[in-house]
Protein backbone atom coordinates (compact mmCIF):
# COMPACT_ATOMS: atom_id res chain seq x y z
CA MET A 1 5.09 26.62 8.81
CA THR A 2 2.33 24.33 7.75
CA ARG A 3 1.79 20.84 9.06
CA LYS A 4 2.91 19.37 5.75
CA GLN A 5 6.21 21.27 5.85
CA ILE A 6 6.85 20.19 9.43
CA SER A 7 6.12 16.56 8.60
CA LEU A 8 8.45 16.71 5.59
CA ILE A 9 11.24 18.12 7.77
CA ILE A 10 10.72 15.37 10.35
CA ILE A 11 10.79 12.72 7.63
CA ALA A 12 13.97 14.22 6.17
CA PHE A 13 15.75 14.10 9.54
CA TYR A 14 14.47 10.58 10.14
CA ASN A 15 15.78 9.47 6.76
CA LEU A 16 19.19 11.02 7.39
CA TYR A 17 19.76 8.98 10.52
CA MET A 18 18.44 5.65 9.24
CA SER A 19 20.77 3.37 7.35
CA LEU A 20 19.70 1.84 4.06
CA SER A 21 19.42 -1.63 5.57
CA ASP A 22 17.11 -0.23 8.25
CA LYS A 23 14.99 1.43 5.58
CA ARG A 24 14.83 -1.78 3.55
CA GLU A 25 13.89 -3.71 6.69
CA GLU A 26 11.15 -1.18 7.42
CA LEU A 27 9.76 -1.52 3.90
CA HIS A 28 9.76 -5.32 4.15
CA HIS A 29 7.85 -5.07 7.42
CA LYS A 30 5.43 -2.63 5.81
CA ALA A 31 4.90 -5.05 2.89
CA PHE A 32 4.19 -7.84 5.37
CA LEU A 33 1.59 -5.71 7.13
CA ILE A 34 0.04 -4.83 3.79
CA MET A 35 -0.53 -8.55 3.18
CA PHE A 36 -2.75 -8.62 6.27
CA LYS A 37 -4.50 -5.47 5.09
CA ILE A 38 -5.19 -7.17 1.76
CA LEU A 39 -6.72 -10.12 3.59
CA ILE A 40 -9.02 -7.72 5.42
CA ILE A 41 -9.68 -5.66 2.27
CA PHE A 42 -10.96 -8.73 0.44
CA GLY A 43 -12.51 -10.53 3.41
CA ILE A 44 -14.80 -7.87 4.82
CA PRO A 45 -16.41 -6.83 1.50
CA ALA A 46 -16.86 -10.48 0.48
CA PHE A 47 -18.50 -11.26 3.81
CA ALA A 48 -20.72 -8.18 3.60
CA SER A 49 -21.62 -8.83 -0.04
CA PHE A 50 -22.89 -12.28 0.93
CA PHE A 51 -25.48 -10.78 3.28
CA VAL A 52 -26.26 -7.72 1.15
CA GLY A 53 -26.67 -9.91 -1.93
CA ARG A 54 -28.95 -12.29 -0.09
CA TRP A 55 -31.02 -9.35 1.17
CA ILE A 56 -31.32 -7.90 -2.37
CA ASP A 57 -32.28 -11.33 -3.72
CA VAL A 58 -35.03 -11.82 -1.16
CA THR A 59 -36.32 -8.24 -1.07
CA HIS A 60 -36.50 -7.61 -4.80
CA ASP A 61 -37.08 -11.22 -5.92
CA MET A 62 -34.12 -11.27 -8.29
CA ARG A 63 -32.48 -14.45 -7.09
CA PRO A 64 -29.00 -14.71 -8.63
CA TYR A 65 -28.58 -11.12 -9.82
CA GLY A 66 -28.58 -9.36 -6.45
CA SER A 67 -25.79 -11.58 -5.15
CA LEU A 68 -23.82 -11.19 -8.37
CA ILE A 69 -24.12 -7.41 -8.27
CA ALA A 70 -23.00 -7.31 -4.63
CA ILE A 71 -20.02 -9.61 -5.25
CA ILE A 72 -18.91 -7.68 -8.33
CA ALA A 73 -19.16 -4.37 -6.47
CA ALA A 74 -17.15 -5.81 -3.55
CA MET A 75 -14.45 -7.09 -5.89
CA ILE A 76 -14.18 -3.79 -7.74
CA ILE A 77 -13.83 -1.88 -4.48
CA SER A 78 -11.32 -4.37 -3.07
CA TRP A 79 -9.14 -4.42 -6.17
CA SER A 80 -9.10 -0.63 -6.44
CA VAL A 81 -7.88 -0.36 -2.84
CA VAL A 82 -5.25 -3.08 -3.36
CA ILE A 83 -3.95 -1.45 -6.53
CA ARG A 84 -3.63 1.88 -4.71
CA LEU A 85 -1.68 0.18 -1.88
CA TYR A 86 0.58 -1.52 -4.42
CA LEU A 87 1.31 1.73 -6.24
CA ASN A 88 2.19 3.49 -2.98
CA LEU A 89 4.52 0.67 -1.91
CA THR A 90 6.16 0.56 -5.33
CA LYS A 91 6.77 4.30 -5.14
CA GLU A 92 8.51 3.87 -1.79
CA TYR A 93 10.71 1.04 -3.10
CA LYS A 94 11.70 3.14 -6.13
CA ALA A 95 12.62 6.05 -3.87
CA LEU A 96 14.76 3.74 -1.76
CA ASP A 97 16.47 2.33 -4.85
CA LYS A 98 17.28 5.85 -6.06
CA LEU A 99 18.70 6.70 -2.64
CA GLU A 100 20.88 3.57 -2.76
CA GLU A 101 22.14 4.53 -6.23
CA LEU A 102 23.00 8.03 -5.03
CA GLN A 103 24.90 6.70 -2.05
CA GLU A 104 26.80 4.25 -4.27
CA LYS A 105 27.74 7.08 -6.64
CA GLU A 106 28.94 9.19 -3.72
CA ALA A 107 31.00 6.28 -2.40
CA ASN A 108 32.51 5.71 -5.85
CA THR A 109 33.41 9.38 -6.28
CA GLU A 110 35.03 9.43 -2.82
CA LYS A 111 37.11 6.35 -3.75
CA THR A 112 38.28 7.92 -6.99
CA ASN A 113 39.13 11.21 -5.26
CA THR A 114 41.33 9.55 -2.63
């Protein structure tokens, strides 16, 4: 077995024993932690672009353009990382919603069978 297969099996067993409310709670906690990550994702590149831009301005004597280039590059990098985080979190919420729908369908079919 490969590592990926083992990790998928562990995740499957973990998901079987967690209730939906626990999963939703875990996703809310994960979203909260992502907010702090976003703060860091935007803060560190902005802080670094300030110094890198100033260094480019002074070294190459291109006063406003070095700072602008550094800030634009930092924003592009930050937004691409944030969008990737958002897409991953959205995918997890959609998977949880599908799981909830399946469990509701199973509960409805059990009610109609009894």
